[in-house]
PDB file of all heavy atoms in Angstrom:
ATOM      1  N   ARG A   1      -2.366   3.347  12.274  1.00  0.00           N
ATOM      2  CA  ARG A   1      -3.438   2.340  12.399  1.00  0.00           C
ATOM      3  C   ARG A   1      -4.728   2.968  12.898  1.00  0.00           C
ATOM      4  O   ARG A   1      -5.828   2.647  12.429  1.00  0.00           O
ATOM      5  CB  ARG A   1      -3.005   1.223  13.342  1.00  0.00           C
ATOM      6  CG  ARG A   1      -1.929   0.307  12.795  1.00  0.00           C
ATOM      7  CD  ARG A   1      -1.732  -0.894  13.711  1.00  0.00           C
ATOM      8  NE  ARG A   1      -0.614  -1.720  13.284  1.00  0.00           N
ATOM      9  CZ  ARG A   1       0.590  -1.701  13.846  1.00  0.00           C
ATOM     10  NH1 ARG A   1       0.838  -0.902  14.881  1.00  0.00           N
ATOM     11  NH2 ARG A   1       1.551  -2.487  13.405  1.00  0.00           N
ATOM     12  N   ALA A   2      -4.612   3.877  13.863  1.00  0.00           N
ATOM     13  CA  ALA A   2      -5.795   4.534  14.419  1.00  0.00           C
ATOM     14  C   ALA A   2      -6.507   5.358  13.352  1.00  0.00           C
ATOM     15  O   ALA A   2      -7.738   5.361  13.265  1.00  0.00           O
ATOM     16  CB  ALA A   2      -5.399   5.406  15.605  1.00  0.00           C
ATOM     17  N   ARG A   3      -5.739   6.058  12.531  1.00  0.00           N
ATOM     18  CA  ARG A   3      -6.343   6.843  11.444  1.00  0.00           C
ATOM     19  C   ARG A   3      -7.034   5.939  10.439  1.00  0.00           C
ATOM     20  O   ARG A   3      -8.106   6.255   9.923  1.00  0.00           O
ATOM     21  CB  ARG A   3      -5.272   7.677  10.745  1.00  0.00           C
ATOM     22  CG  ARG A   3      -4.813   8.889  11.563  1.00  0.00           C
ATOM     23  CD  ARG A   3      -3.763   9.680  10.825  1.00  0.00           C
ATOM     24  NE  ARG A   3      -4.206   9.990   9.477  1.00  0.00           N
ATOM     25  CZ  ARG A   3      -3.383  10.182   8.442  1.00  0.00           C
ATOM     26  NH1 ARG A   3      -2.084  10.059   8.613  1.00  0.00           N
ATOM     27  NH2 ARG A   3      -3.856  10.475   7.257  1.00  0.00           N
ATOM     28  N   PHE A   4      -6.418   4.803  10.161  1.00  0.00           N
ATOM     29  CA  PHE A   4      -7.036   3.849   9.232  1.00  0.00           C
ATOM     30  C   PHE A   4      -8.361   3.339   9.779  1.00  0.00           C
ATOM     31  O   PHE A   4      -9.358   3.271   9.070  1.00  0.00           O
ATOM     32  CB  PHE A   4      -6.085   2.676   8.985  1.00  0.00           C
ATOM     33  CG  PHE A   4      -6.703   1.577   8.174  1.00  0.00           C
ATOM     34  CD1 PHE A   4      -6.790   1.671   6.800  1.00  0.00           C
ATOM     35  CD2 PHE A   4      -7.232   0.450   8.803  1.00  0.00           C
ATOM     36  CE1 PHE A   4      -7.382   0.664   6.058  1.00  0.00           C
ATOM     37  CE2 PHE A   4      -7.827  -0.561   8.068  1.00  0.00           C
ATOM     38  CZ  PHE A   4      -7.900  -0.450   6.694  1.00  0.00           C
ATOM     39  N   LEU A   5      -8.373   2.975  11.060  1.00  0.00           N
ATOM     40  CA  LEU A   5      -9.583   2.427  11.666  1.00  0.00           C
ATOM     41  C   LEU A   5     -10.702   3.456  11.753  1.00  0.00           C
ATOM     42  O   LEU A   5     -11.879   3.099  11.774  1.00  0.00           O
ATOM     43  CB  LEU A   5      -9.262   1.877  13.055  1.00  0.00           C
ATOM     44  CG  LEU A   5      -8.359   0.632  13.070  1.00  0.00           C
ATOM     45  CD1 LEU A   5      -7.963   0.288  14.505  1.00  0.00           C
ATOM     46  CD2 LEU A   5      -9.047  -0.544  12.404  1.00  0.00           C
ATOM     47  N   ALA A   6     -10.334   4.724  11.801  1.00  0.00           N
ATOM     48  CA  ALA A   6     -11.342   5.783  11.933  1.00  0.00           C
ATOM     49  C   ALA A   6     -12.254   5.863  10.710  1.00  0.00           C
ATOM     50  O   ALA A   6     -13.442   6.150  10.828  1.00  0.00           O
ATOM     51  CB  ALA A   6     -10.665   7.129  12.175  1.00  0.00           C
ATOM     52  N   ASP A   7     -11.691   5.613   9.509  1.00  0.00           N
ATOM     53  CA  ASP A   7     -12.531   5.727   8.305  1.00  0.00           C
ATOM     54  C   ASP A   7     -12.189   4.668   7.255  1.00  0.00           C
ATOM     55  O   ASP A   7     -12.432   4.859   6.065  1.00  0.00           O
ATOM     56  CB  ASP A   7     -12.402   7.121   7.688  1.00  0.00           C
ATOM     57  CG  ASP A   7     -10.995   7.422   7.189  1.00  0.00           C
ATOM     58  OD1 ASP A   7     -10.105   6.575   7.376  1.00  0.00           O
ATOM     59  OD2 ASP A   7     -10.796   8.505   6.613  1.00  0.00           O
ATOM     60  N   SER A   8     -11.619   3.540   7.713  1.00  0.00           N
ATOM     61  CA  SER A   8     -11.239   2.433   6.821  1.00  0.00           C
ATOM     62  C   SER A   8     -10.239   2.860   5.754  1.00  0.00           C
ATOM     63  O   SER A   8     -10.154   2.248   4.690  1.00  0.00           O
ATOM     64  CB  SER A   8     -12.479   1.829   6.141  1.00  0.00           C
ATOM     65  OG  SER A   8     -13.355   1.316   7.120  1.00  0.00           O
ATOM     66  N   GLY A   9      -9.497   3.923   6.039  1.00  0.00           N
ATOM     67  CA  GLY A   9      -8.445   4.354   5.132  1.00  0.00           C
ATOM     68  C   GLY A   9      -8.901   5.213   3.978  1.00  0.00           C
ATOM     69  O   GLY A   9      -8.107   5.560   3.100  1.00  0.00           O
ATOM     70  N   ASP A  10     -10.187   5.589   3.953  1.00  0.00           N
ATOM     71  CA  ASP A  10     -10.707   6.353   2.814  1.00  0.00           C
ATOM     72  C   ASP A  10      -9.999   7.690   2.618  1.00  0.00           C
ATOM     73  O   ASP A  10      -9.844   8.159   1.483  1.00  0.00           O
ATOM     74  CB  ASP A  10     -12.213   6.602   2.979  1.00  0.00           C
ATOM     75  CG  ASP A  10     -13.028   5.328   2.812  1.00  0.00           C
ATOM     76  OD1 ASP A  10     -12.472   4.341   2.293  1.00  0.00           O
ATOM     77  OD2 ASP A  10     -14.202   5.310   3.223  1.00  0.00           O
ATOM     78  N   ALA A  11      -9.578   8.307   3.704  1.00  0.00           N
ATOM     79  CA  ALA A  11      -8.943   9.624   3.600  1.00  0.00           C
ATOM     80  C   ALA A  11      -7.430   9.543   3.478  1.00  0.00           C
ATOM     81  O   ALA A  11      -6.757  10.565   3.345  1.00  0.00           O
ATOM     82  CB  ALA A  11      -9.314  10.470   4.823  1.00  0.00           C
ATOM     83  N   MET A  12      -6.884   8.347   3.519  1.00  0.00           N
ATOM     84  CA  MET A  12      -5.429   8.190   3.475  1.00  0.00           C
ATOM     85  C   MET A  12      -4.886   8.350   2.053  1.00  0.00           C
ATOM     86  O   MET A  12      -5.441   7.769   1.116  1.00  0.00           O
ATOM     87  CB  MET A  12      -5.025   6.807   3.979  1.00  0.00           C
ATOM     88  CG  MET A  12      -4.966   6.671   5.478  1.00  0.00           C
ATOM     89  SD  MET A  12      -4.341   5.039   5.938  1.00  0.00           S
ATOM     90  CE  MET A  12      -3.751   5.405   7.594  1.00  0.00           C
ATOM     91  N   PRO A  13      -3.799   9.095   1.901  1.00  0.00           N
ATOM     92  CA  PRO A  13      -3.138   9.107   0.588  1.00  0.00           C
ATOM     93  C   PRO A  13      -2.515   7.737   0.321  1.00  0.00           C
ATOM     94  O   PRO A  13      -2.291   6.948   1.245  1.00  0.00           O
ATOM     95  CB  PRO A  13      -2.061  10.185   0.738  1.00  0.00           C
ATOM     96  CG  PRO A  13      -1.816  10.306   2.203  1.00  0.00           C
ATOM     97  CD  PRO A  13      -3.114   9.972   2.875  1.00  0.00           C
ATOM     98  N   ASP A  14      -2.215   7.466  -0.943  1.00  0.00           N
ATOM     99  CA  ASP A  14      -1.698   6.147  -1.318  1.00  0.00           C
ATOM    100  C   ASP A  14      -0.435   5.767  -0.549  1.00  0.00           C
ATOM    101  O   ASP A  14      -0.264   4.618  -0.157  1.00  0.00           O
ATOM    102  CB  ASP A  14      -1.411   6.105  -2.824  1.00  0.00           C
ATOM    103  CG  ASP A  14      -2.652   5.745  -3.634  1.00  0.00           C
ATOM    104  OD1 ASP A  14      -3.747   5.674  -3.047  1.00  0.00           O
ATOM    105  OD2 ASP A  14      -2.527   5.532  -4.855  1.00  0.00           O
ATOM    106  N   TYR A  15       0.465   6.741  -0.317  1.00  0.00           N
ATOM    107  CA  TYR A  15       1.732   6.371   0.320  1.00  0.00           C
ATOM    108  C   TYR A  15       1.509   5.924   1.762  1.00  0.00           C
ATOM    109  O   TYR A  15       2.208   5.035   2.257  1.00  0.00           O
ATOM    110  CB  TYR A  15       2.754   7.516   0.235  1.00  0.00           C
ATOM    111  CG  TYR A  15       2.637   8.579   1.298  1.00  0.00           C
ATOM    112  CD1 TYR A  15       3.290   8.443   2.528  1.00  0.00           C
ATOM    113  CD2 TYR A  15       1.886   9.733   1.081  1.00  0.00           C
ATOM    114  CE1 TYR A  15       3.186   9.420   3.509  1.00  0.00           C
ATOM    115  CE2 TYR A  15       1.778  10.702   2.040  1.00  0.00           C
ATOM    116  CZ  TYR A  15       2.435  10.551   3.257  1.00  0.00           C
ATOM    117  OH  TYR A  15       2.332  11.513   4.224  1.00  0.00           O
ATOM    118  N   GLU A  16       0.521   6.499   2.448  1.00  0.00           N
ATOM    119  CA  GLU A  16       0.264   6.073   3.826  1.00  0.00           C
ATOM    120  C   GLU A  16      -0.415   4.702   3.870  1.00  0.00           C
ATOM    121  O   GLU A  16      -0.105   3.882   4.733  1.00  0.00           O
ATOM    122  CB  GLU A  16      -0.587   7.120   4.552  1.00  0.00           C
ATOM    123  CG  GLU A  16       0.187   8.367   4.913  1.00  0.00           C
ATOM    124  CD  GLU A  16      -0.606   9.307   5.802  1.00  0.00           C
ATOM    125  OE1 GLU A  16      -1.855   9.230   5.814  1.00  0.00           O
ATOM    126  OE2 GLU A  16       0.024  10.134   6.484  1.00  0.00           O
ATOM    127  N   LEU A  17      -1.326   4.454   2.943  1.00  0.00           N
ATOM    128  CA  LEU A  17      -1.973   3.146   2.898  1.00  0.00           C
ATOM    129  C   LEU A  17      -0.947   2.058   2.562  1.00  0.00           C
ATOM    130  O   LEU A  17      -0.958   0.976   3.145  1.00  0.00           O
ATOM    131  CB  LEU A  17      -3.098   3.149   1.864  1.00  0.00           C
ATOM    132  CG  LEU A  17      -3.984   1.901   1.832  1.00  0.00           C
ATOM    133  CD1 LEU A  17      -4.659   1.669   3.178  1.00  0.00           C
ATOM    134  CD2 LEU A  17      -5.031   2.021   0.731  1.00  0.00           C
ATOM    135  N   LEU A  18      -0.033   2.379   1.655  1.00  0.00           N
ATOM    136  CA  LEU A  18       1.005   1.418   1.303  1.00  0.00           C
ATOM    137  C   LEU A  18       1.983   1.234   2.462  1.00  0.00           C
ATOM    138  O   LEU A  18       2.410   0.106   2.758  1.00  0.00           O
ATOM    139  CB  LEU A  18       1.743   1.894   0.049  1.00  0.00           C
ATOM    140  CG  LEU A  18       2.771   0.939  -0.546  1.00  0.00           C
ATOM    141  CD1 LEU A  18       2.173  -0.431  -0.812  1.00  0.00           C
ATOM    142  CD2 LEU A  18       3.342   1.519  -1.841  1.00  0.00           C
ATOM    143  N   GLU A  19       2.320   2.320   3.132  1.00  0.00           N
ATOM    144  CA  GLU A  19       3.183   2.250   4.314  1.00  0.00           C
ATOM    145  C   GLU A  19       2.562   1.323   5.362  1.00  0.00           C
ATOM    146  O   GLU A  19       3.235   0.456   5.929  1.00  0.00           O
ATOM    147  CB  GLU A  19       3.346   3.663   4.884  1.00  0.00           C
ATOM    148  CG  GLU A  19       4.295   3.778   6.058  1.00  0.00           C
ATOM    149  CD  GLU A  19       4.348   5.197   6.616  1.00  0.00           C
ATOM    150  OE1 GLU A  19       3.735   6.115   6.022  1.00  0.00           O
ATOM    151  OE2 GLU A  19       4.979   5.367   7.670  1.00  0.00           O
ATOM    152  N   LEU A  20       1.277   1.480   5.589  1.00  0.00           N
ATOM    153  CA  LEU A  20       0.549   0.648   6.552  1.00  0.00           C
ATOM    154  C   LEU A  20       0.536  -0.818   6.106  1.00  0.00           C
ATOM    155  O   LEU A  20       0.723  -1.733   6.912  1.00  0.00           O
ATOM    156  CB  LEU A  20      -0.879   1.180   6.671  1.00  0.00           C
ATOM    157  CG  LEU A  20      -1.783   0.630   7.766  1.00  0.00           C
ATOM    158  CD1 LEU A  20      -1.234   0.978   9.138  1.00  0.00           C
ATOM    159  CD2 LEU A  20      -3.191   1.210   7.619  1.00  0.00           C
ATOM    160  N   THR A  21       0.339  -1.043   4.817  1.00  0.00           N
ATOM    161  CA  THR A  21       0.326  -2.398   4.268  1.00  0.00           C
ATOM    162  C   THR A  21       1.662  -3.099   4.482  1.00  0.00           C
ATOM    163  O   THR A  21       1.711  -4.307   4.742  1.00  0.00           O
ATOM    164  CB  THR A  21       0.008  -2.340   2.763  1.00  0.00           C
ATOM    165  OG1 THR A  21      -1.271  -1.723   2.575  1.00  0.00           O
ATOM    166  CG2 THR A  21      -0.013  -3.727   2.135  1.00  0.00           C
ATOM    167  N   LEU A  22       2.754  -2.337   4.387  1.00  0.00           N
ATOM    168  CA  LEU A  22       4.091  -2.917   4.507  1.00  0.00           C
ATOM    169  C   LEU A  22       4.481  -3.253   5.947  1.00  0.00           C
ATOM    170  O   LEU A  22       5.484  -3.945   6.160  1.00  0.00           O
ATOM    171  CB  LEU A  22       5.125  -1.956   3.908  1.00  0.00           C
ATOM    172  CG  LEU A  22       5.062  -1.773   2.388  1.00  0.00           C
ATOM    173  CD1 LEU A  22       5.948  -0.612   1.956  1.00  0.00           C
ATOM    174  CD2 LEU A  22       5.467  -3.050   1.667  1.00  0.00           C
ATOM    175  N   PHE A  23       3.713  -2.781   6.922  1.00  0.00           N
ATOM    176  CA  PHE A  23       4.035  -3.075   8.328  1.00  0.00           C
ATOM    177  C   PHE A  23       4.181  -4.579   8.569  1.00  0.00           C
ATOM    178  O   PHE A  23       5.056  -5.020   9.301  1.00  0.00           O
ATOM    179  CB  PHE A  23       2.944  -2.533   9.266  1.00  0.00           C
ATOM    180  CG  PHE A  23       2.963  -1.043   9.465  1.00  0.00           C
ATOM    181  CD1 PHE A  23       1.972  -0.434  10.230  1.00  0.00           C
ATOM    182  CD2 PHE A  23       3.946  -0.252   8.914  1.00  0.00           C
ATOM    183  CE1 PHE A  23       1.969   0.932  10.438  1.00  0.00           C
ATOM    184  CE2 PHE A  23       3.946   1.124   9.107  1.00  0.00           C
ATOM    185  CZ  PHE A  23       2.961   1.717   9.870  1.00  0.00           C
ATOM    186  N   ALA A  24       3.281  -5.373   7.979  1.00  0.00           N
ATOM    187  CA  ALA A  24       3.288  -6.813   8.239  1.00  0.00           C
ATOM    188  C   ALA A  24       4.537  -7.488   7.691  1.00  0.00           C
ATOM    189  O   ALA A  24       5.027  -8.461   8.264  1.00  0.00           O
ATOM    190  CB  ALA A  24       2.039  -7.454   7.628  1.00  0.00           C
ATOM    191  N   ALA A  25       5.057  -6.983   6.569  1.00  0.00           N
ATOM    192  CA  ALA A  25       6.239  -7.587   5.955  1.00  0.00           C
ATOM    193  C   ALA A  25       7.540  -7.043   6.529  1.00  0.00           C
ATOM    194  O   ALA A  25       8.569  -7.709   6.482  1.00  0.00           O
ATOM    195  CB  ALA A  25       6.213  -7.359   4.444  1.00  0.00           C
ATOM    196  N   ILE A  26       7.486  -5.818   7.076  1.00  0.00           N
ATOM    197  CA  ILE A  26       8.688  -5.177   7.627  1.00  0.00           C
ATOM    198  C   ILE A  26       8.358  -4.709   9.039  1.00  0.00           C
ATOM    199  O   ILE A  26       7.952  -3.557   9.249  1.00  0.00           O
ATOM    200  CB  ILE A  26       9.128  -3.973   6.755  1.00  0.00           C
ATOM    201  CG1 ILE A  26       9.273  -4.408   5.293  1.00  0.00           C
ATOM    202  CG2 ILE A  26      10.438  -3.393   7.253  1.00  0.00           C
ATOM    203  CD1 ILE A  26       9.571  -3.284   4.340  1.00  0.00           C
ATOM    204  N   PRO A  27       8.492  -5.574  10.042  1.00  0.00           N
ATOM    205  CA  PRO A  27       8.012  -5.244  11.390  1.00  0.00           C
ATOM    206  C   PRO A  27       8.831  -4.217  12.156  1.00  0.00           C
ATOM    207  O   PRO A  27       8.316  -3.599  13.060  1.00  0.00           O
ATOM    208  CB  PRO A  27       8.028  -6.607  12.104  1.00  0.00           C
ATOM    209  CG  PRO A  27       9.024  -7.415  11.360  1.00  0.00           C
ATOM    210  CD  PRO A  27       8.967  -6.965   9.933  1.00  0.00           C
ATOM    211  N   ARG A  28      10.095  -4.019  11.838  1.00  0.00           N
ATOM    212  CA  ARG A  28      10.937  -3.164  12.691  1.00  0.00           C
ATOM    213  C   ARG A  28      11.685  -2.080  11.920  1.00  0.00           C
ATOM    214  O   ARG A  28      12.749  -1.656  12.331  1.00  0.00           O
ATOM    215  CB  ARG A  28      11.963  -4.025  13.446  1.00  0.00           C
ATOM    216  CG  ARG A  28      11.331  -4.996  14.425  1.00  0.00           C
ATOM    217  CD  ARG A  28      12.374  -5.779  15.184  1.00  0.00           C
ATOM    218  NE  ARG A  28      11.752  -6.718  16.089  1.00  0.00           N
ATOM    219  CZ  ARG A  28      11.336  -7.926  15.749  1.00  0.00           C
ATOM    220  NH1 ARG A  28      11.481  -8.335  14.488  1.00  0.00           N
ATOM    221  NH2 ARG A  28      10.775  -8.723  16.627  1.00  0.00           N
ATOM    222  N   ARG A  29      11.122  -1.633  10.822  1.00  0.00           N
ATOM    223  CA  ARG A  29      11.800  -0.595  10.057  1.00  0.00           C
ATOM    224  C   ARG A  29      10.788   0.413   9.543  1.00  0.00           C
ATOM    225  O   ARG A  29       9.625   0.070   9.304  1.00  0.00           O
ATOM    226  CB  ARG A  29      12.548  -1.240   8.879  1.00  0.00           C
ATOM    227  CG  ARG A  29      13.677  -0.368   8.341  1.00  0.00           C
ATOM    228  CD  ARG A  29      14.493  -1.116   7.294  1.00  0.00           C
ATOM    229  NE  ARG A  29      13.831  -1.149   6.002  1.00  0.00           N
ATOM    230  CZ  ARG A  29      13.694  -2.233   5.257  1.00  0.00           C
ATOM    231  NH1 ARG A  29      14.145  -3.390   5.675  1.00  0.00           N
ATOM    232  NH2 ARG A  29      13.089  -2.179   4.086  1.00  0.00           N
ATOM    233  N   ASP A  30      11.218   1.639   9.376  1.00  0.00           N
ATOM    234  CA  ASP A  30      10.360   2.671   8.824  1.00  0.00           C
ATOM    235  C   ASP A  30      10.003   2.287   7.389  1.00  0.00           C
ATOM    236  O   ASP A  30      10.884   2.091   6.542  1.00  0.00           O
ATOM    237  CB  ASP A  30      11.111   4.011   8.854  1.00  0.00           C
ATOM    238  CG  ASP A  30      10.276   5.162   8.325  1.00  0.00           C
ATOM    239  OD1 ASP A  30       9.076   4.965   8.083  1.00  0.00           O
ATOM    240  OD2 ASP A  30      10.832   6.270   8.157  1.00  0.00           O
ATOM    241  N   THR A  31       8.717   2.173   7.096  1.00  0.00           N
ATOM    242  CA  THR A  31       8.295   1.723   5.764  1.00  0.00           C
ATOM    243  C   THR A  31       7.948   2.870   4.814  1.00  0.00           C
ATOM    244  O   THR A  31       7.679   2.628   3.645  1.00  0.00           O
ATOM    245  CB  THR A  31       7.068   0.792   5.878  1.00  0.00           C
ATOM    246  OG1 THR A  31       5.992   1.490   6.503  1.00  0.00           O
ATOM    247  CG2 THR A  31       7.405  -0.464   6.681  1.00  0.00           C
ATOM    248  N   LYS A  32       7.977   4.093   5.335  1.00  0.00           N
ATOM    249  CA  LYS A  32       7.591   5.226   4.477  1.00  0.00           C
ATOM    250  C   LYS A  32       8.516   5.390   3.270  1.00  0.00           C
ATOM    251  O   LYS A  32       8.037   5.569   2.136  1.00  0.00           O
ATOM    252  CB  LYS A  32       7.553   6.521   5.284  1.00  0.00           C
ATOM    253  CG  LYS A  32       7.050   7.714   4.457  1.00  0.00           C
ATOM    254  CD  LYS A  32       7.104   9.018   5.249  1.00  0.00           C
ATOM    255  CE  LYS A  32       6.090   9.004   6.348  1.00  0.00           C
ATOM    256  NZ  LYS A  32       6.041  10.311   7.073  1.00  0.00           N
ATOM    257  N   PRO A  33       9.860   5.331   3.442  1.00  0.00           N
ATOM    258  CA  PRO A  33      10.725   5.499   2.257  1.00  0.00           C
ATOM    259  C   PRO A  33      10.460   4.444   1.178  1.00  0.00           C
ATOM    260  O   PRO A  33      10.447   4.767  -0.007  1.00  0.00           O
ATOM    261  CB  PRO A  33      12.143   5.364   2.842  1.00  0.00           C
ATOM    262  CG  PRO A  33      12.007   5.735   4.278  1.00  0.00           C
ATOM    263  CD  PRO A  33      10.653   5.238   4.685  1.00  0.00           C
ATOM    264  N   LEU A  34      10.229   3.192   1.588  1.00  0.00           N
ATOM    265  CA  LEU A  34       9.968   2.149   0.600  1.00  0.00           C
ATOM    266  C   LEU A  34       8.615   2.361  -0.075  1.00  0.00           C
ATOM    267  O   LEU A  34       8.476   2.170  -1.282  1.00  0.00           O
ATOM    268  CB  LEU A  34      10.017   0.769   1.259  1.00  0.00           C
ATOM    269  CG  LEU A  34       9.788  -0.419   0.316  1.00  0.00           C
ATOM    270  CD1 LEU A  34      10.769  -0.393  -0.854  1.00  0.00           C
ATOM    271  CD2 LEU A  34       9.891  -1.729   1.081  1.00  0.00           C
ATOM    272  N   ALA A  35       7.619   2.783   0.704  1.00  0.00           N
ATOM    273  CA  ALA A  35       6.298   3.058   0.122  1.00  0.00           C
ATOM    274  C   ALA A  35       6.408   4.138  -0.951  1.00  0.00           C
ATOM    275  O   ALA A  35       5.848   4.003  -2.053  1.00  0.00           O
ATOM    276  CB  ALA A  35       5.325   3.485   1.215  1.00  0.00           C
ATOM    277  N   LYS A  36       7.159   5.182  -0.658  1.00  0.00           N
ATOM    278  CA  LYS A  36       7.304   6.282  -1.626  1.00  0.00           C
ATOM    279  C   LYS A  36       8.112   5.841  -2.842  1.00  0.00           C
ATOM    280  O   LYS A  36       7.827   6.259  -3.976  1.00  0.00           O
ATOM    281  CB  LYS A  36       7.931   7.488  -0.944  1.00  0.00           C
ATOM    282  CG  LYS A  36       6.981   8.147   0.049  1.00  0.00           C
ATOM    283  CD  LYS A  36       7.454   9.517   0.485  1.00  0.00           C
ATOM    284  CE  LYS A  36       6.376  10.244   1.286  1.00  0.00           C
ATOM    285  NZ  LYS A  36       6.763  11.612   1.653  1.00  0.00           N
ATOM    286  N   ALA A  37       9.119   4.982  -2.627  1.00  0.00           N
ATOM    287  CA  ALA A  37       9.913   4.488  -3.754  1.00  0.00           C
ATOM    288  C   ALA A  37       9.056   3.624  -4.683  1.00  0.00           C
ATOM    289  O   ALA A  37       9.162   3.715  -5.915  1.00  0.00           O
ATOM    290  CB  ALA A  37      11.102   3.677  -3.236  1.00  0.00           C
ATOM    291  N   LEU A  38       8.193   2.792  -4.110  1.00  0.00           N
ATOM    292  CA  LEU A  38       7.308   1.949  -4.914  1.00  0.00           C
ATOM    293  C   LEU A  38       6.315   2.791  -5.716  1.00  0.00           C
ATOM    294  O   LEU A  38       6.053   2.525  -6.894  1.00  0.00           O
ATOM    295  CB  LEU A  38       6.563   0.967  -4.015  1.00  0.00           C
ATOM    296  CG  LEU A  38       7.394  -0.209  -3.491  1.00  0.00           C
ATOM    297  CD1 LEU A  38       6.693  -0.886  -2.318  1.00  0.00           C
ATOM    298  CD2 LEU A  38       7.652  -1.224  -4.614  1.00  0.00           C
ATOM    299  N   LEU A  39       5.778   3.821  -5.084  1.00  0.00           N
ATOM    300  CA  LEU A  39       4.824   4.684  -5.789  1.00  0.00           C
ATOM    301  C   LEU A  39       5.517   5.495  -6.879  1.00  0.00           C
ATOM    302  O   LEU A  39       4.926   5.747  -7.935  1.00  0.00           O
ATOM    303  CB  LEU A  39       4.129   5.615  -4.789  1.00  0.00           C
ATOM    304  CG  LEU A  39       3.130   4.911  -3.860  1.00  0.00           C
ATOM    305  CD1 LEU A  39       2.691   5.844  -2.737  1.00  0.00           C
ATOM    306  CD2 LEU A  39       1.916   4.435  -4.639  1.00  0.00           C
ATOM    307  N   ALA A  40       6.768   5.895  -6.621  1.00  0.00           N
ATOM    308  CA  ALA A  40       7.517   6.624  -7.645  1.00  0.00           C
ATOM    309  C   ALA A  40       7.746   5.740  -8.867  1.00  0.00           C
ATOM    310  O   ALA A  40       7.735   6.216 -10.006  1.00  0.00           O
ATOM    311  CB  ALA A  40       8.854   7.094  -7.075  1.00  0.00           C
ATOM    312  N   ARG A  41       7.930   4.438  -8.648  1.00  0.00           N
ATOM    313  CA  ARG A  41       8.170   3.517  -9.756  1.00  0.00           C
ATOM    314  C   ARG A  41       6.878   3.159 -10.493  1.00  0.00           C
ATOM    315  O   ARG A  41       6.835   3.136 -11.713  1.00  0.00           O
ATOM    316  CB  ARG A  41       8.834   2.241  -9.222  1.00  0.00           C
ATOM    317  CG  ARG A  41       8.953   1.093 -10.236  1.00  0.00           C
ATOM    318  CD  ARG A  41       9.952   1.383 -11.357  1.00  0.00           C
ATOM    319  NE  ARG A  41      11.283   1.441 -10.823  1.00  0.00           N
ATOM    320  CZ  ARG A  41      12.106   0.391 -10.726  1.00  0.00           C
ATOM    321  NH1 ARG A  41      11.704  -0.792 -11.144  1.00  0.00           N
ATOM    322  NH2 ARG A  41      13.319   0.535 -10.247  1.00  0.00           N
TER     323      ARG A  41
END
């Protein structure tokens, strides 16, 4: 979140922006594997 706020996410790769987006829907689980699976698809 801090990295996102620093530059509004401009420097974030897609998987990190998607991982961050998924936080709201998945509050207590690591969202990185799902973010990468979605991008792979």
